[in-house]
Amino acid sequence: SGKLYGGNVKGVATLNWKSAWQLKGELNMTQVELQSLAPVLNPEMKVSGKLDAKSHFSSSAAAAGQLAAALRLESVFQVYQGVLYNFDIAKAAQSFLKGGSKGGETRFDEISGHLLMDAAGHHLRDLKISSGTLAASGNLDISPKQQLQGRITAELKAGISLVAVPLDVSGSVKEPVLFPTKGAMAGAAAGTMLLGPAGTALGVKAG
């Protein structure tokens, strides 16, 4: 147990080398400042906020030096009052340019989800992002080469109505790209052509 980047950590681990080297354990974090922790986990990642996480990890290898490469970690997490840098989800949801949306930032009240980390990369499932007029959910994969692949559905409050836009995520952790799916873009174009600006949201939903 101890202190880490303004928060608390507590965990337990067991190491066994009777036949092969085997490591397993769990680690809980509360109120850890993610802006300081994120570069330790991934130098390309830029995100801030207070992290709460409950994690389980395991590894098995023929030699002790191979344990890190074989590590598998699963975590349920929440991040509060922070910023996703290089992501502007709201702007991407409002843009129907072929080049997609790059740069910017997304301020959020809370992000929650499930993380699986293994030799194939980082896999984020059941992601939920909430911030004022924006709510987003989806799945995202980060390859060992830091490439992104995933889909996020962004819901924007416009007056009393709610517009949901599916976004494809690509690019890299350092330079992510978000753009509406082909179906959403086709629907938006058709809705706008038939009904004018008021038909855009209807077209996105139909698409």
Protein backbone atom coordinates (compact mmCIF):
# COMPACT_ATOMS: atom_id res chain seq x y z
CA SER A 1 0.00 0.00 0.00
CA GLY A 2 1.15 3.54 -0.55
CA LYS A 3 0.71 6.97 -2.11
CA LEU A 4 0.92 7.58 -5.85
CA TYR A 5 0.50 10.89 -7.73
CA GLY A 6 -1.80 12.41 -5.11
CA GLY A 7 -3.86 9.24 -4.64
CA ASN A 8 -3.72 5.88 -2.89
CA VAL A 9 -2.76 2.40 -4.07
CA LYS A 10 -3.27 -0.93 -2.38
CA GLY A 11 -2.61 -4.40 -3.72
CA VAL A 12 -1.31 -7.91 -3.28
CA ALA A 13 0.74 -10.16 -5.56
CA THR A 14 1.99 -13.74 -5.54
CA LEU A 15 5.11 -14.92 -7.37
CA ASN A 16 5.69 -18.65 -7.91
CA TRP A 17 8.61 -20.31 -9.71
CA LYS A 18 8.17 -24.01 -8.86
CA SER A 19 7.78 -25.02 -12.51
CA ALA A 20 7.38 -21.92 -14.68
CA TRP A 21 7.50 -18.35 -13.43
CA GLN A 22 3.97 -17.28 -12.50
CA LEU A 23 2.75 -13.93 -11.22
CA LYS A 24 -0.78 -12.95 -10.22
CA GLY A 25 -2.39 -10.32 -8.07
CA GLU A 26 -4.69 -7.35 -7.80
CA LEU A 27 -4.21 -3.60 -7.45
CA ASN A 28 -6.70 -0.91 -6.44
CA MET A 29 -6.19 2.81 -7.03
CA THR A 30 -8.20 5.77 -5.75
CA GLN A 31 -7.91 9.44 -6.70
CA VAL A 32 -4.64 8.98 -8.62
CA GLU A 33 -3.81 11.92 -10.90
CA LEU A 34 -3.93 10.40 -14.37
CA GLN A 35 -1.99 13.21 -16.04
CA SER A 36 1.10 12.06 -14.12
CA LEU A 37 0.42 8.32 -14.39
CA ALA A 38 -0.53 8.15 -18.11
CA PRO A 39 3.01 8.86 -19.51
CA VAL A 40 4.36 6.02 -17.36
CA LEU A 41 1.88 3.60 -18.95
CA ASN A 42 2.04 5.08 -22.45
CA PRO A 43 4.36 8.00 -23.35
CA GLU A 44 2.04 9.07 -26.21
CA MET A 45 -1.11 9.30 -24.08
CA LYS A 46 -2.32 12.69 -22.85
CA VAL A 47 -5.25 12.68 -20.43
CA SER A 48 -5.95 14.25 -17.05
CA GLY A 49 -8.39 13.55 -14.23
CA LYS A 50 -8.68 11.58 -10.98
CA LEU A 51 -8.52 7.80 -11.50
CA ASP A 52 -10.26 5.08 -9.51
CA ALA A 53 -9.48 1.53 -10.69
CA LYS A 54 -9.79 -2.08 -9.57
CA SER A 55 -7.37 -4.31 -11.46
CA HIS A 56 -6.39 -7.96 -11.66
CA PHE A 57 -3.19 -9.08 -13.37
CA SER A 58 -1.37 -12.31 -14.21
CA SER A 59 1.64 -13.52 -16.14
CA SER A 60 3.34 -16.81 -16.88
CA ALA A 61 6.71 -17.36 -18.55
CA ALA A 62 9.67 -19.73 -18.72
CA ALA A 63 12.05 -17.07 -17.38
CA ALA A 64 11.60 -14.18 -14.96
CA GLY A 65 12.74 -11.67 -17.57
CA GLN A 66 9.82 -12.66 -19.81
CA LEU A 67 7.06 -11.96 -17.28
CA ALA A 68 6.57 -8.31 -18.28
CA ALA A 69 6.04 -9.20 -21.96
CA ALA A 70 3.47 -11.85 -20.99
CA LEU A 71 1.54 -9.62 -18.59
CA ARG A 72 -2.26 -9.62 -18.83
CA LEU A 73 -4.22 -7.00 -16.90
CA GLU A 74 -7.95 -6.40 -16.59
CA SER A 75 -9.33 -3.30 -14.92
CA VAL A 76 -12.64 -1.60 -14.24
CA PHE A 77 -12.05 2.14 -14.01
CA GLN A 78 -13.57 5.58 -13.59
CA VAL A 79 -11.88 8.93 -14.27
CA TYR A 80 -13.41 12.13 -12.92
CA GLN A 81 -13.18 15.81 -13.94
CA GLY A 82 -10.52 15.67 -16.61
CA VAL A 83 -9.54 16.32 -20.21
CA LEU A 84 -8.91 14.04 -23.21
CA TYR A 85 -6.26 15.82 -25.24
CA ASN A 86 -6.08 15.52 -29.04
CA PHE A 87 -9.73 14.36 -29.06
CA ASP A 88 -12.64 16.72 -29.74
CA ILE A 89 -15.60 14.35 -29.82
CA ALA A 90 -18.25 17.08 -30.04
CA LYS A 91 -16.52 18.75 -33.01
CA ALA A 92 -16.14 15.41 -34.79
CA ALA A 93 -19.84 14.64 -34.30
CA GLN A 94 -20.76 17.98 -35.88
CA SER A 95 -18.34 17.65 -38.81
CA PHE A 96 -19.05 15.65 -41.93
CA LEU A 97 -15.75 16.32 -43.70
CA LYS A 98 -14.04 13.36 -45.35
CA GLY A 99 -10.78 14.23 -43.66
CA GLY A 100 -12.30 13.80 -40.23
CA SER A 101 -11.56 15.78 -37.10
CA LYS A 102 -8.08 16.05 -35.65
CA GLY A 103 -6.75 17.76 -32.54
CA GLY A 104 -8.65 19.72 -29.93
CA GLU A 105 -9.72 18.38 -26.55
CA THR A 106 -12.71 16.88 -24.79
CA ARG A 107 -13.46 17.99 -21.25
CA PHE A 108 -15.45 15.43 -19.30
CA ASP A 109 -17.17 14.93 -15.97
CA GLU A 110 -16.63 11.17 -15.96
CA ILE A 111 -15.17 8.38 -18.09
CA SER A 112 -15.77 4.76 -17.16
CA GLY A 113 -15.06 1.43 -18.80
CA HIS A 114 -13.21 -1.86 -18.83
CA LEU A 115 -9.56 -2.16 -19.85
CA LEU A 116 -7.83 -5.33 -21.03
CA MET A 117 -4.09 -5.05 -21.56
CA ASP A 118 -2.10 -7.92 -23.11
CA ALA A 119 0.56 -8.62 -25.73
CA ALA A 120 -1.90 -7.60 -28.48
CA GLY A 121 -2.28 -4.09 -27.06
CA HIS A 122 -4.84 -2.17 -25.01
CA HIS A 123 -8.54 -2.95 -25.44
CA LEU A 124 -11.10 -0.53 -24.01
CA ARG A 125 -14.65 -1.84 -23.77
CA ASP A 126 -17.94 -0.36 -22.57
CA LEU A 127 -16.45 3.13 -22.66
CA LYS A 128 -18.81 5.83 -21.40
CA ILE A 129 -17.98 9.54 -21.47
CA SER A 130 -20.23 12.22 -19.99
CA SER A 131 -19.81 15.97 -20.06
CA GLY A 132 -22.63 18.52 -19.98
CA THR A 133 -24.28 18.41 -23.40
CA LEU A 134 -22.13 15.46 -24.58
CA ALA A 135 -22.49 11.75 -23.88
CA ALA A 136 -20.43 9.14 -25.73
CA SER A 137 -19.99 5.39 -25.61
CA GLY A 138 -18.08 2.76 -27.55
CA ASN A 139 -15.06 0.49 -27.86
CA LEU A 140 -11.44 1.26 -28.73
CA ASP A 141 -8.31 -0.78 -29.44
CA ILE A 142 -4.71 0.45 -29.24
CA SER A 143 -2.17 -1.75 -31.04
CA PRO A 144 1.41 -2.29 -29.80
CA LYS A 145 2.43 0.19 -32.53
CA GLN A 146 0.08 2.80 -30.97
CA GLN A 147 -2.47 2.67 -33.80
CA LEU A 148 -6.13 3.27 -32.97
CA GLN A 149 -9.17 1.40 -34.19
CA GLY A 150 -12.67 1.68 -32.79
CA ARG A 151 -16.09 3.25 -32.87
CA ILE A 152 -17.71 5.79 -30.57
CA THR A 153 -21.31 6.96 -30.65
CA ALA A 154 -21.53 10.60 -29.61
CA GLU A 155 -24.82 12.01 -28.39
CA LEU A 156 -25.18 15.79 -28.51
CA LYS A 157 -27.97 17.73 -26.87
CA ALA A 158 -29.32 20.35 -29.25
CA GLY A 159 -32.10 22.19 -27.46
CA ILE A 160 -34.56 19.56 -26.28
CA SER A 161 -33.52 16.98 -28.89
CA LEU A 162 -30.68 14.47 -28.80
CA VAL A 163 -28.56 13.73 -31.88
CA ALA A 164 -26.52 10.50 -31.90
CA VAL A 165 -23.62 10.32 -34.36
CA PRO A 166 -21.50 7.14 -34.82
CA LEU A 167 -17.79 7.98 -35.19
CA ASP A 168 -14.96 5.82 -36.50
CA VAL A 169 -11.69 6.26 -34.60
CA SER A 170 -8.37 5.79 -36.40
CA GLY A 171 -4.89 7.31 -36.53
CA SER A 172 -2.52 6.97 -33.60
CA VAL A 173 -2.55 7.70 -29.88
CA LYS A 174 -0.47 10.82 -30.58
CA GLU A 175 -2.59 11.95 -33.55
CA PRO A 176 -6.07 10.41 -33.36
CA VAL A 177 -8.64 10.95 -36.13
CA LEU A 178 -12.41 10.88 -35.60
CA PHE A 179 -14.94 11.03 -38.41
CA PRO A 180 -18.60 10.07 -38.85
CA THR A 181 -19.20 6.62 -40.34
CA LYS A 182 -20.00 6.35 -44.04
CA GLY A 183 -23.61 5.54 -43.22
CA ALA A 184 -23.95 8.61 -41.02
CA MET A 185 -22.39 10.87 -43.67
CA ALA A 186 -24.62 9.48 -46.42
CA GLY A 187 -27.71 9.89 -44.24
CA ALA A 188 -26.76 13.44 -43.28
CA ALA A 189 -26.27 14.41 -46.91
CA ALA A 190 -29.60 12.88 -47.94
CA GLY A 191 -31.48 14.44 -45.02
CA THR A 192 -30.01 17.87 -45.68
CA MET A 193 -30.82 17.65 -49.38
CA LEU A 194 -34.44 16.64 -48.74
CA LEU A 195 -35.27 18.73 -45.67
CA GLY A 196 -32.53 21.33 -45.37
CA PRO A 197 -30.50 21.82 -42.15
CA ALA A 198 -33.38 20.46 -40.07
CA GLY A 199 -33.08 17.14 -41.89
CA THR A 200 -29.40 16.58 -41.12
CA ALA A 201 -29.98 14.97 -37.72
CA LEU A 202 -32.80 12.82 -39.10
CA GLY A 203 -30.55 11.73 -41.92
CA VAL A 204 -27.75 10.79 -39.52
CA LYS A 205 -30.15 8.64 -37.52
CA ALA A 206 -31.51 6.98 -40.65
CA GLY A 207 -28.00 6.40 -41.92
